[in-house]
Amino acid sequence: MKKVKALIVDDSALVRRFLTETLAGDPAIEVIGTAIDPIFAFSKIMKERPDVITLDVEMPRMDGLTFLQKLMKSYPIPVVMISSRTQKGCETTIRALELGAVDFIAKPYRNLSEKLPELKMEIIHKVKAAARANLHLALPAGELQGDDTGDDFNAPFISGGKGDPLTNLSLTHRPRLVVIGASTGGVVAVKKVLEGLDPRKVAILTVLHMPGGFTASFAANLNSMLPYPVKEAASGDILVAGSLYVAPGNRNMLVEKADGRYRIIIRSCDKNDIYKPSVNKTYQSVARAAGSNAVAIILTGMGDDGARGMYMLRQAGAYTIAQSKETSVVFGMPKKAIEMGGVIEVLHLNQIAARVNGIISQQWKSML
């Protein structure tokens, strides 16, 4: 089996050594070299042809963002960013994901010895996932081709029947919540969906796997670009139609219904939570609280988070949509949700917002 060839680009000798030892400790990864800055990195890229690059943001001679932009234009390679948890570091990381970085790893700022095993596992998993990513889909210039014309590439997969799934619906309930889950490649995919949504009649919830601090930057970034208000969710928030709520990093966002209104509850992640925030736990709470008044979307991401929650949502009468393999940077999360039977419809990324708008504009109750 061919090993994943990794190149480490970081100005810190300590970080280079740590990453080298961590990645080389996995039999499926070969560290082909390290570089102290992007200038040295470029010559090694041309000579060694790595499959994945780990890239620090702040380096001498050329910063990580500038290098990332140049790399994606001239010689695209999957990149995993190594990010600090400062406000500037979080903002820069979000920008790097927009520019084409596949994923990021946040540097721990406390309790390093306790978190070391978990950190090493995260680094290995993310580097392996990046090597398998559909990189051209992560690039900002690589606009996804296709629309709602229904050609062979864009034709939706429909679970349990042929034709437009809306023809199988009894139109009696109006959706009040739209919930979106994603992970690897999710920043670009989530933005694509949100830009096309008309949220005037629904509240939107978004869950991405991010550490604390990064979601506040992501929410602020979305708030600056979308025509409707966006906030990082807080306990006690009453969901308001026309607003977007982002699950806070490293904490779980749940929804409950009381007195005819939906309210957010934020809880600490459990020790057994592999993914933080947990898409599954948000989906499951929405299934219990909203049922057929919800539309659920699962987008690109590594792993199986969200699969059980999507199944619960579908069983509760929610309309469930998964992003297609052809348009996913990593098809792990959508694939698992489809295999578990929780997905009604699989769509090209460019089709999802229009489909949700169509569902929102009419009353419906799933009869599938």
Protein backbone atom coordinates (compact mmCIF):
# COMPACT_ATOMS: atom_id res chain seq x y z
CA MET A 1 0.00 0.00 0.00
CA LYS A 2 1.36 3.40 -1.01
CA LYS A 3 2.29 5.62 1.92
CA VAL A 4 1.05 9.21 2.29
CA LYS A 5 4.03 11.51 1.67
CA ALA A 6 3.96 14.47 4.07
CA LEU A 7 6.01 17.66 4.07
CA ILE A 8 6.16 19.75 7.28
CA VAL A 9 6.55 23.53 6.90
CA ASP A 10 7.10 25.37 10.21
CA ASP A 11 9.70 27.81 11.52
CA SER A 12 9.73 26.18 14.97
CA ALA A 13 12.28 23.37 15.33
CA LEU A 14 10.25 22.00 18.26
CA VAL A 15 7.06 21.81 16.20
CA ARG A 16 8.87 20.29 13.22
CA ARG A 17 10.33 17.58 15.45
CA PHE A 18 6.98 16.89 17.14
CA LEU A 19 5.10 16.64 13.84
CA THR A 20 7.82 14.49 12.29
CA GLU A 21 7.78 12.01 15.20
CA THR A 22 3.97 11.94 15.27
CA LEU A 23 3.45 11.35 11.56
CA ALA A 24 6.41 9.00 11.11
CA GLY A 25 4.98 6.88 13.92
CA ASP A 26 2.10 5.84 11.65
CA PRO A 27 3.02 3.09 9.18
CA ALA A 28 0.83 4.62 6.47
CA ILE A 29 2.66 7.98 6.47
CA GLU A 30 6.15 8.90 5.27
CA VAL A 31 7.62 12.28 6.24
CA ILE A 32 9.61 13.21 3.16
CA GLY A 33 11.08 16.36 4.65
CA THR A 34 10.68 19.57 6.64
CA ALA A 35 11.13 23.23 5.75
CA ILE A 36 11.74 26.26 7.93
CA ASP A 37 9.77 28.60 5.67
CA PRO A 38 7.81 28.64 2.37
CA ILE A 39 10.88 29.52 0.28
CA PHE A 40 12.66 26.35 1.35
CA ALA A 41 9.37 24.46 1.11
CA PHE A 42 8.85 25.29 -2.55
CA SER A 43 12.10 23.65 -3.69
CA LYS A 44 11.25 20.53 -1.69
CA ILE A 45 7.74 20.43 -3.14
CA MET A 46 9.10 20.45 -6.68
CA LYS A 47 11.66 17.77 -5.86
CA GLU A 48 9.74 15.43 -3.54
CA ARG A 49 6.12 15.88 -4.73
CA PRO A 50 4.38 15.48 -1.35
CA ASP A 51 0.78 14.27 -1.02
CA VAL A 52 0.05 16.56 1.97
CA ILE A 53 1.65 19.63 3.53
CA THR A 54 1.30 20.78 7.12
CA LEU A 55 1.69 24.55 7.12
CA ASP A 56 2.22 27.07 9.90
CA VAL A 57 0.57 30.47 9.53
CA GLU A 58 3.28 32.77 10.86
CA MET A 59 6.72 32.23 9.32
CA PRO A 60 9.69 34.32 8.17
CA ARG A 61 10.17 35.56 4.57
CA MET A 62 6.60 34.62 3.56
CA ASP A 63 3.52 34.12 5.72
CA GLY A 64 1.41 30.98 5.44
CA LEU A 65 -1.58 32.63 3.75
CA THR A 66 0.51 34.17 0.98
CA PHE A 67 2.25 30.85 0.41
CA LEU A 68 -1.09 29.01 0.41
CA GLN A 69 -2.49 31.33 -2.27
CA LYS A 70 0.58 30.91 -4.47
CA LEU A 71 0.59 27.14 -3.95
CA MET A 72 -3.07 26.68 -4.86
CA LYS A 73 -2.63 28.70 -8.04
CA SER A 74 0.56 27.06 -9.29
CA TYR A 75 0.79 23.59 -7.73
CA PRO A 76 -2.29 22.58 -5.70
CA ILE A 77 -1.53 20.15 -2.88
CA PRO A 78 -3.76 19.30 0.12
CA VAL A 79 -2.76 21.52 3.04
CA VAL A 80 -3.48 21.10 6.75
CA MET A 81 -2.91 24.37 8.61
CA ILE A 82 -1.22 24.50 12.03
CA SER A 83 -3.04 27.28 13.83
CA SER A 84 -2.72 29.25 17.04
CA ARG A 85 -5.79 29.90 19.18
CA THR A 86 -5.31 33.67 19.33
CA GLN A 87 -8.04 35.81 17.78
CA LYS A 88 -5.74 36.62 14.89
CA GLY A 89 -4.84 32.94 14.52
CA CYS A 90 -8.50 31.93 14.40
CA GLU A 91 -9.37 34.57 11.81
CA THR A 92 -6.36 33.60 9.68
CA THR A 93 -7.33 29.94 9.84
CA ILE A 94 -10.86 30.64 8.60
CA ARG A 95 -9.33 32.61 5.74
CA ALA A 96 -6.94 29.74 4.96
CA LEU A 97 -9.87 27.33 4.69
CA GLU A 98 -11.54 29.74 2.26
CA LEU A 99 -8.35 29.83 0.18
CA GLY A 100 -8.22 26.07 -0.21
CA ALA A 101 -6.69 24.53 2.93
CA VAL A 102 -8.42 21.19 3.55
CA ASP A 103 -8.35 21.30 7.35
CA PHE A 104 -6.50 22.69 10.36
CA ILE A 105 -5.00 21.61 13.67
CA ALA A 106 -5.16 23.99 16.62
CA LYS A 107 -2.05 24.23 18.76
CA PRO A 108 -2.89 23.32 22.38
CA TYR A 109 -2.30 26.19 24.77
CA ARG A 110 -2.63 24.34 28.08
CA ASN A 111 -2.60 20.82 29.56
CA LEU A 112 -0.37 19.67 26.69
CA SER A 113 0.71 16.46 28.41
CA GLU A 114 -2.92 15.43 29.02
CA LYS A 115 -4.01 16.21 25.47
CA LEU A 116 -0.96 14.80 23.70
CA PRO A 117 -2.42 11.37 22.77
CA GLU A 118 -5.61 12.98 21.45
CA LEU A 119 -3.61 15.62 19.55
CA LYS A 120 -1.39 13.01 17.90
CA MET A 121 -4.42 11.01 16.79
CA GLU A 122 -6.04 14.16 15.38
CA ILE A 123 -2.90 15.05 13.41
CA ILE A 124 -2.60 11.58 11.88
CA HIS A 125 -6.29 11.34 10.98
CA LYS A 126 -6.41 14.79 9.41
CA VAL A 127 -3.27 14.28 7.34
CA LYS A 128 -4.61 10.96 6.03
CA ALA A 129 -8.00 12.50 5.25
CA ALA A 130 -6.36 15.44 3.46
CA ALA A 131 -4.46 13.02 1.22
CA ARG A 132 -7.80 11.55 0.05
CA ALA A 133 -9.57 14.88 -0.36
CA ASN A 134 -11.07 16.09 -3.63
CA LEU A 135 -8.80 19.10 -3.55
CA HIS A 136 -10.22 20.97 -6.56
CA LEU A 137 -13.52 21.27 -4.66
CA ALA A 138 -11.79 23.11 -1.82
CA LEU A 139 -10.26 25.74 -4.11
CA PRO A 140 -11.99 29.13 -4.23
CA ALA A 141 -11.55 29.41 -7.99
CA GLY A 142 -12.97 25.92 -8.54
CA GLU A 143 -16.64 26.83 -8.70
CA LEU A 144 -18.68 23.68 -8.77
CA GLN A 145 -20.20 23.10 -12.16
CA GLY A 146 -23.86 22.27 -12.55
CA ASP A 147 -27.25 23.58 -11.57
CA ASP A 148 -30.74 22.20 -11.21
CA THR A 149 -31.01 21.03 -14.78
CA GLY A 150 -31.01 17.37 -13.77
CA ASP A 151 -28.27 16.14 -16.09
CA ASP A 152 -26.51 12.87 -15.27
CA PHE A 153 -23.87 14.46 -13.04
CA ASN A 154 -26.31 16.55 -11.05
CA ALA A 155 -29.26 14.18 -10.90
CA PRO A 156 -30.31 13.74 -7.26
CA PHE A 157 -30.26 10.35 -5.61
CA ILE A 158 -33.60 9.67 -4.00
CA SER A 159 -33.90 7.12 -1.23
CA GLY A 160 -36.97 4.94 -1.46
CA GLY A 161 -38.40 6.01 -4.79
CA LYS A 162 -37.98 7.66 -8.18
CA GLY A 163 -38.68 11.17 -9.32
CA ASP A 164 -38.96 14.37 -7.28
CA PRO A 165 -39.29 13.39 -3.61
CA LEU A 166 -41.57 16.37 -2.97
CA THR A 167 -44.24 14.56 -4.97
CA ASN A 168 -44.28 11.97 -2.18
CA LEU A 169 -45.08 14.52 0.52
CA SER A 170 -48.38 15.44 2.11
CA LEU A 171 -48.17 19.22 2.43
CA THR A 172 -49.43 19.88 5.96
CA HIS A 173 -46.44 21.06 8.04
CA ARG A 174 -44.21 24.09 7.59
CA PRO A 175 -40.50 23.78 8.42
CA ARG A 176 -39.33 26.08 11.17
CA LEU A 177 -35.72 24.95 11.58
CA VAL A 178 -32.90 24.18 9.14
CA VAL A 179 -29.90 22.39 10.67
CA ILE A 180 -26.58 21.92 8.85
CA GLY A 181 -23.68 19.68 9.90
CA ALA A 182 -20.21 19.50 8.33
CA SER A 183 -16.53 18.91 9.01
CA THR A 184 -13.54 18.62 6.64
CA GLY A 185 -14.10 21.01 3.73
CA GLY A 186 -17.17 22.32 5.49
CA VAL A 187 -16.33 26.03 5.70
CA VAL A 188 -16.61 26.51 1.93
CA ALA A 189 -19.58 24.12 1.58
CA VAL A 190 -21.56 25.69 4.44
CA LYS A 191 -21.01 29.16 3.01
CA LYS A 192 -22.20 27.98 -0.41
CA VAL A 193 -25.47 26.72 1.07
CA LEU A 194 -26.01 29.72 3.35
CA GLU A 195 -25.46 32.23 0.54
CA GLY A 196 -28.36 30.72 -1.39
CA LEU A 197 -30.83 30.26 1.46
CA ASP A 198 -33.85 32.47 2.05
CA PRO A 199 -34.15 32.18 5.83
CA ARG A 200 -37.00 34.63 6.45
CA LYS A 201 -39.35 31.90 7.65
CA VAL A 202 -36.87 29.63 9.44
CA ALA A 203 -34.05 29.70 11.98
CA ILE A 204 -30.79 28.08 10.85
CA LEU A 205 -28.39 26.06 13.00
CA THR A 206 -24.86 25.18 11.87
CA VAL A 207 -22.47 22.68 13.48
CA LEU A 208 -18.83 22.26 12.39
CA HIS A 209 -16.04 20.40 14.15
CA MET A 210 -14.01 23.29 15.56
CA PRO A 211 -12.22 24.04 18.85
CA GLY A 212 -13.20 26.91 21.11
CA GLY A 213 -12.46 30.34 19.70
CA PHE A 214 -12.55 29.36 16.04
CA THR A 215 -16.35 29.29 15.88
CA ALA A 216 -16.58 32.88 17.14
CA SER A 217 -14.35 33.94 14.22
CA PHE A 218 -16.39 31.80 11.83
CA ALA A 219 -19.66 33.34 13.06
CA ALA A 220 -18.23 36.86 12.71
CA ASN A 221 -17.02 36.03 9.22
CA LEU A 222 -20.47 34.77 8.20
CA ASN A 223 -22.16 37.77 9.79
CA SER A 224 -20.05 40.11 7.65
CA MET A 225 -20.97 38.36 4.39
CA LEU A 226 -24.60 37.24 4.80
CA PRO A 227 -27.66 39.50 4.58
CA TYR A 228 -29.11 38.08 7.81
CA PRO A 229 -27.79 38.09 11.40
CA VAL A 230 -25.35 35.41 12.55
CA LYS A 231 -24.18 34.70 16.08
CA GLU A 232 -22.29 32.08 18.01
CA ALA A 233 -25.01 30.26 19.91
CA ALA A 234 -25.38 30.72 23.67
CA SER A 235 -27.50 28.90 26.23
CA GLY A 236 -30.96 30.39 26.47
CA ASP A 237 -31.04 31.81 22.93
CA ILE A 238 -34.61 31.74 21.60
CA LEU A 239 -34.49 30.78 17.92
CA VAL A 240 -35.70 33.60 15.70
CA ALA A 241 -36.69 33.15 12.06
CA GLY A 242 -34.24 34.81 9.71
CA SER A 243 -31.23 34.24 11.98
CA LEU A 244 -28.27 31.81 11.96
CA TYR A 245 -26.79 30.21 15.07
CA VAL A 246 -23.30 28.64 15.02
CA ALA A 247 -22.51 25.90 17.54
CA PRO A 248 -19.67 27.05 19.83
CA GLY A 249 -16.38 25.21 19.49
CA ASN A 250 -15.72 22.22 21.71
CA ARG A 251 -19.26 22.36 23.18
CA ASN A 252 -22.53 20.73 22.17
CA MET A 253 -25.50 22.73 20.93
CA LEU A 254 -28.91 21.23 21.73
CA VAL A 255 -32.44 22.43 20.96
CA GLU A 256 -35.51 22.10 23.15
CA LYS A 257 -39.10 23.24 22.68
CA ALA A 258 -40.97 25.04 25.44
CA ASP A 259 -44.11 27.18 25.32
CA GLY A 260 -44.22 26.87 21.54
CA ARG A 261 -40.71 28.26 21.08
CA TYR A 262 -37.36 26.65 20.33
CA ARG A 263 -34.51 27.37 22.69
CA ILE A 264 -30.79 26.56 22.56
CA ILE A 265 -28.97 24.74 25.34
CA ILE A 266 -25.17 24.66 25.35
CA ARG A 267 -23.48 21.81 27.22
CA SER A 268 -19.91 20.68 27.72
CA CYS A 269 -18.84 17.77 25.56
CA ASP A 270 -18.75 14.35 27.18
CA LYS A 271 -15.49 12.46 27.53
CA ASN A 272 -16.71 9.91 24.99
CA ASP A 273 -17.54 12.55 22.36
CA ILE A 274 -15.15 11.87 19.49
CA TYR A 275 -16.33 14.87 17.47
CA LYS A 276 -16.66 18.28 19.09
CA PRO A 277 -19.14 19.86 18.71
CA SER A 278 -21.21 16.73 18.03
CA VAL A 279 -23.38 16.94 14.92
CA ASN A 280 -25.21 13.83 16.12
CA LYS A 281 -26.25 15.40 19.40
CA THR A 282 -27.57 18.54 17.73
CA TYR A 283 -29.48 16.49 15.14
CA GLN A 284 -30.94 14.20 17.80
CA SER A 285 -32.16 17.12 19.89
CA VAL A 286 -33.74 18.73 16.81
CA ALA A 287 -35.45 15.43 15.97
CA ARG A 288 -37.00 15.34 19.45
CA ALA A 289 -37.90 19.03 19.59
CA ALA A 290 -38.97 19.80 16.01
CA GLY A 291 -39.52 16.50 14.17
CA SER A 292 -41.30 17.18 10.89
CA ASN A 293 -40.82 20.92 11.37
CA ALA A 294 -37.13 20.53 10.50
CA VAL A 295 -34.96 20.25 7.41
CA ALA A 296 -31.55 18.64 8.00
CA ILE A 297 -28.49 18.85 5.73
CA ILE A 298 -25.26 16.87 6.07
CA LEU A 299 -22.25 18.13 4.15
CA THR A 300 -18.66 17.12 3.46
CA GLY A 301 -16.66 15.76 6.38
CA MET A 302 -14.44 13.00 7.71
CA GLY A 303 -15.91 10.26 9.88
CA ASP A 304 -19.48 9.24 10.69
CA ASP A 305 -20.73 12.09 12.88
CA GLY A 306 -24.32 12.97 12.05
CA ALA A 307 -25.34 9.58 10.62
CA ARG A 308 -27.36 8.45 13.64
CA GLY A 309 -28.86 11.90 14.05
CA MET A 310 -29.95 12.03 10.41
CA TYR A 311 -31.67 8.66 10.83
CA MET A 312 -33.54 9.96 13.89
CA LEU A 313 -34.55 13.11 12.02
CA ARG A 314 -35.89 11.16 9.07
CA GLN A 315 -37.80 8.82 11.38
CA ALA A 316 -39.27 11.89 13.11
CA GLY A 317 -40.54 13.25 9.78
CA ALA A 318 -37.81 15.79 8.97
CA TYR A 319 -36.69 16.27 5.37
CA THR A 320 -33.06 15.12 5.12
CA ILE A 321 -30.49 16.03 2.45
CA ALA A 322 -26.89 14.88 1.93
CA GLN A 323 -24.19 16.45 -0.24
CA SER A 324 -23.18 14.32 -3.22
CA LYS A 325 -19.88 12.46 -3.42
CA GLU A 326 -18.89 14.37 -6.57
CA THR A 327 -19.05 17.70 -4.71
CA SER A 328 -17.71 16.65 -1.28
CA VAL A 329 -14.11 17.35 -0.33
CA VAL A 330 -14.38 14.27 1.92
CA PHE A 331 -17.42 12.01 1.48
CA GLY A 332 -17.26 10.37 4.93
CA MET A 333 -20.17 11.98 6.81
CA PRO A 334 -22.67 12.06 3.92
CA LYS A 335 -21.78 8.50 2.95
CA LYS A 336 -22.38 7.12 6.45
CA ALA A 337 -25.70 8.95 6.74
CA ILE A 338 -26.83 7.51 3.40
CA GLU A 339 -25.74 4.00 4.34
CA MET A 340 -27.64 4.19 7.63
CA GLY A 341 -30.84 5.14 5.83
CA GLY A 342 -31.21 8.63 7.21
CA VAL A 343 -31.12 10.50 3.90
CA ILE A 344 -34.11 11.22 1.66
CA GLU A 345 -32.21 13.03 -1.06
CA VAL A 346 -28.59 13.39 -2.21
CA LEU A 347 -27.83 16.60 -4.10
CA HIS A 348 -25.01 18.43 -5.85
CA LEU A 349 -23.83 21.20 -3.50
CA ASN A 350 -25.15 23.86 -5.90
CA GLN A 351 -28.67 22.39 -5.68
CA ILE A 352 -29.10 22.24 -1.92
CA ALA A 353 -30.09 25.84 -1.15
CA ALA A 354 -32.67 25.93 -3.95
CA ARG A 355 -34.19 22.66 -2.74
CA VAL A 356 -34.44 23.93 0.85
CA ASN A 357 -35.99 27.20 -0.32
CA GLY A 358 -38.58 25.19 -2.22
CA ILE A 359 -39.40 23.15 0.86
CA ILE A 360 -39.62 26.23 3.07
CA SER A 361 -41.99 27.95 0.62
CA GLN A 362 -44.68 25.30 1.00
CA GLN A 363 -46.22 23.33 3.82
CA TRP A 364 -45.25 19.70 4.00
CA LYS A 365 -45.08 16.58 6.07
CA SER A 366 -42.96 13.61 5.06
CA MET A 367 -44.95 10.51 4.16
CA LEU A 368 -41.99 8.44 2.96
